[in-house]
């Protein structure tokens, strides 16, 4: 399975353990079997979006919170190069210009939803 599936499974397990609930309890609250939840946590199965949404809801967190691990994943070399270029441009800008860039990024992000 891909790295995202592995990280998602780890995040679900971590959040479940932090709440002190069993796989059985989380599975029940999510509307899936404990076996299926175990397979998701071990990255043996790719869950549907609906299942992931149900798991997040059962954990009392948002989908974006459940995927918070994404910011910790290593970037590809192309992504790293792009990030480095952006950082270089930003480092030479005034604080006011940086705020303008942030506004532009937010507008672009909204238009891609």
C-alpha atoms as a PDB file:
ATOM      1  CA  UNK A   1       0.000   0.000   0.000  1.00  0.00           C
ATOM      2  CA  UNK A   2       1.106   3.556  -0.584  1.00  0.00           C
ATOM      3  CA  UNK A   3       2.642   5.758   2.059  1.00  0.00           C
ATOM      4  CA  UNK A   4      -0.597   7.715   2.604  1.00  0.00           C
ATOM      5  CA  UNK A   5      -2.457   4.508   3.485  1.00  0.00           C
ATOM      6  CA  UNK A   6       0.234   3.593   5.990  1.00  0.00           C
ATOM      7  CA  UNK A   7       0.223   7.064   7.535  1.00  0.00           C
ATOM      8  CA  UNK A   8      -3.586   7.177   7.658  1.00  0.00           C
ATOM      9  CA  UNK A   9      -3.659   3.850   9.488  1.00  0.00           C
ATOM     10  CA  UNK A  10      -1.059   5.057  11.976  1.00  0.00           C
ATOM     11  CA  UNK A  11      -2.999   8.281  12.549  1.00  0.00           C
ATOM     12  CA  UNK A  12      -6.263   6.428  13.166  1.00  0.00           C
ATOM     13  CA  UNK A  13      -4.569   4.061  15.612  1.00  0.00           C
ATOM     14  CA  UNK A  14      -2.807   6.934  17.399  1.00  0.00           C
ATOM     15  CA  UNK A  15      -6.020   8.931  17.753  1.00  0.00           C
ATOM     16  CA  UNK A  16      -7.970   5.843  18.869  1.00  0.00           C
ATOM     17  CA  UNK A  17      -5.359   5.004  21.499  1.00  0.00           C
ATOM     18  CA  UNK A  18      -5.273   8.613  22.695  1.00  0.00           C
ATOM     19  CA  UNK A  19      -9.013   8.352  23.330  1.00  0.00           C
ATOM     20  CA  UNK A  20      -8.500   5.043  25.113  1.00  0.00           C
ATOM     21  CA  UNK A  21     -11.006   3.163  22.974  1.00  0.00           C
ATOM     22  CA  UNK A  22     -10.702  -0.290  21.458  1.00  0.00           C
ATOM     23  CA  UNK A  23     -10.821  -1.197  17.794  1.00  0.00           C
ATOM     24  CA  UNK A  24     -14.191  -2.813  18.479  1.00  0.00           C
ATOM     25  CA  UNK A  25     -15.618   0.409  19.921  1.00  0.00           C
ATOM     26  CA  UNK A  26     -14.289   2.635  17.136  1.00  0.00           C
ATOM     27  CA  UNK A  27     -15.426   0.164  14.497  1.00  0.00           C
ATOM     28  CA  UNK A  28     -18.925   0.068  15.988  1.00  0.00           C
ATOM     29  CA  UNK A  29     -19.125   3.879  16.110  1.00  0.00           C
ATOM     30  CA  UNK A  30     -17.858   4.032  12.515  1.00  0.00           C
ATOM     31  CA  UNK A  31     -20.312   1.445  11.203  1.00  0.00           C
ATOM     32  CA  UNK A  32     -17.663  -1.014  10.063  1.00  0.00           C
ATOM     33  CA  UNK A  33     -16.348  -4.319  11.385  1.00  0.00           C
ATOM     34  CA  UNK A  34     -13.424  -4.461  13.787  1.00  0.00           C
ATOM     35  CA  UNK A  35     -11.610  -6.647  11.263  1.00  0.00           C
ATOM     36  CA  UNK A  36     -12.001  -3.973   8.589  1.00  0.00           C
ATOM     37  CA  UNK A  37     -10.772  -1.256  10.959  1.00  0.00           C
ATOM     38  CA  UNK A  38      -7.763  -3.405  11.829  1.00  0.00           C
ATOM     39  CA  UNK A  39      -6.975  -3.812   8.131  1.00  0.00           C
ATOM     40  CA  UNK A  40      -7.214  -0.043   7.638  1.00  0.00           C
ATOM     41  CA  UNK A  41      -4.929   0.618  10.617  1.00  0.00           C
ATOM     42  CA  UNK A  42      -2.410  -1.884   9.262  1.00  0.00           C
ATOM     43  CA  UNK A  43      -2.734  -0.404   5.740  1.00  0.00           C
ATOM     44  CA  UNK A  44      -3.967  -3.677   4.295  1.00  0.00           C
ATOM     45  CA  UNK A  45      -7.166  -2.101   2.927  1.00  0.00           C
ATOM     46  CA  UNK A  46      -7.891   1.263   1.333  1.00  0.00           C
ATOM     47  CA  UNK A  47     -11.020   2.688   2.967  1.00  0.00           C
ATOM     48  CA  UNK A  48     -13.637   4.615   1.020  1.00  0.00           C
ATOM     49  CA  UNK A  49     -14.019   8.333   1.623  1.00  0.00           C
ATOM     50  CA  UNK A  50     -17.304   7.596   3.390  1.00  0.00           C
ATOM     51  CA  UNK A  51     -15.588   5.146   5.732  1.00  0.00           C
ATOM     52  CA  UNK A  52     -12.783   7.600   6.492  1.00  0.00           C
ATOM     53  CA  UNK A  53     -15.386  10.296   7.158  1.00  0.00           C
ATOM     54  CA  UNK A  54     -17.250   7.954   9.525  1.00  0.00           C
ATOM     55  CA  UNK A  55     -14.022   7.110  11.354  1.00  0.00           C
ATOM     56  CA  UNK A  56     -13.144  10.805  11.728  1.00  0.00           C
ATOM     57  CA  UNK A  57     -16.628  11.496  13.043  1.00  0.00           C
ATOM     58  CA  UNK A  58     -16.357   8.614  15.520  1.00  0.00           C
ATOM     59  CA  UNK A  59     -13.029  10.056  16.681  1.00  0.00           C
ATOM     60  CA  UNK A  60     -14.710  13.474  17.069  1.00  0.00           C
ATOM     61  CA  UNK A  61     -12.296  15.134  14.637  1.00  0.00           C
ATOM     62  CA  UNK A  62     -12.546  16.640  11.168  1.00  0.00           C
ATOM     63  CA  UNK A  63     -11.302  14.913   8.037  1.00  0.00           C
ATOM     64  CA  UNK A  64      -8.557  17.509   7.743  1.00  0.00           C
ATOM     65  CA  UNK A  65      -7.434  16.722  11.297  1.00  0.00           C
ATOM     66  CA  UNK A  66      -7.306  13.029  10.437  1.00  0.00           C
ATOM     67  CA  UNK A  67      -5.075  13.824   7.460  1.00  0.00           C
ATOM     68  CA  UNK A  68      -2.828  16.184   9.416  1.00  0.00           C
ATOM     69  CA  UNK A  69       0.021  13.717   8.929  1.00  0.00           C
ATOM     70  CA  UNK A  70       0.271  14.826   5.278  1.00  0.00           C
ATOM     71  CA  UNK A  71       2.287  17.873   6.263  1.00  0.00           C
ATOM     72  CA  UNK A  72       4.825  15.526   7.838  1.00  0.00           C
ATOM     73  CA  UNK A  73       5.307  13.345   4.743  1.00  0.00           C
ATOM     74  CA  UNK A  74       8.589  13.832   2.888  1.00  0.00           C
ATOM     75  CA  UNK A  75       8.217  15.902  -0.271  1.00  0.00           C
ATOM     76  CA  UNK A  76       9.356  14.585  -3.630  1.00  0.00           C
ATOM     77  CA  UNK A  77      12.451  16.236  -5.101  1.00  0.00           C
ATOM     78  CA  UNK A  78      10.263  18.321  -7.469  1.00  0.00           C
ATOM     79  CA  UNK A  79       8.067  19.431  -4.564  1.00  0.00           C
ATOM     80  CA  UNK A  80      11.148  20.223  -2.493  1.00  0.00           C
ATOM     81  CA  UNK A  81      12.633  22.295  -5.309  1.00  0.00           C
ATOM     82  CA  UNK A  82       9.384  24.246  -5.685  1.00  0.00           C
ATOM     83  CA  UNK A  83       9.148  24.782  -1.930  1.00  0.00           C
ATOM     84  CA  UNK A  84      12.738  26.037  -1.869  1.00  0.00           C
ATOM     85  CA  UNK A  85      12.078  28.504  -4.701  1.00  0.00           C
ATOM     86  CA  UNK A  86       8.973  29.832  -2.967  1.00  0.00           C
ATOM     87  CA  UNK A  87      10.881  30.193   0.299  1.00  0.00           C
ATOM     88  CA  UNK A  88      13.681  32.068  -1.448  1.00  0.00           C
ATOM     89  CA  UNK A  89      11.243  34.534  -2.982  1.00  0.00           C
ATOM     90  CA  UNK A  90       9.398  35.014   0.301  1.00  0.00           C
ATOM     91  CA  UNK A  91      12.566  35.592   2.300  1.00  0.00           C
ATOM     92  CA  UNK A  92      13.399  38.645   0.201  1.00  0.00           C
ATOM     93  CA  UNK A  93       9.916  40.192   0.558  1.00  0.00           C
ATOM     94  CA  UNK A  94       8.605  42.690   3.065  1.00  0.00           C
ATOM     95  CA  UNK A  95       6.073  41.528   5.642  1.00  0.00           C
ATOM     96  CA  UNK A  96       3.338  43.440   3.808  1.00  0.00           C
ATOM     97  CA  UNK A  97       4.193  41.711   0.503  1.00  0.00           C
ATOM     98  CA  UNK A  98       4.159  38.332   2.261  1.00  0.00           C
ATOM     99  CA  UNK A  99       0.637  39.076   3.532  1.00  0.00           C
ATOM    100  CA  UNK A 100      -0.438  39.891  -0.031  1.00  0.00           C
ATOM    101  CA  UNK A 101       1.034  36.609  -1.267  1.00  0.00           C
ATOM    102  CA  UNK A 102      -0.867  34.751   1.447  1.00  0.00           C
ATOM    103  CA  UNK A 103      -4.121  36.386   0.306  1.00  0.00           C
ATOM    104  CA  UNK A 104      -3.419  35.301  -3.267  1.00  0.00           C
ATOM    105  CA  UNK A 105      -2.705  31.726  -2.149  1.00  0.00           C
ATOM    106  CA  UNK A 106      -5.997  31.619  -0.236  1.00  0.00           C
ATOM    107  CA  UNK A 107      -7.896  32.862  -3.301  1.00  0.00           C
ATOM    108  CA  UNK A 108      -6.250  30.244  -5.524  1.00  0.00           C
ATOM    109  CA  UNK A 109      -6.938  27.490  -2.997  1.00  0.00           C
ATOM    110  CA  UNK A 110     -10.638  28.450  -2.800  1.00  0.00           C
ATOM    111  CA  UNK A 111     -10.948  28.412  -6.590  1.00  0.00           C
ATOM    112  CA  UNK A 112      -9.596  24.833  -6.736  1.00  0.00           C
ATOM    113  CA  UNK A 113     -12.233  23.354  -4.428  1.00  0.00           C
END
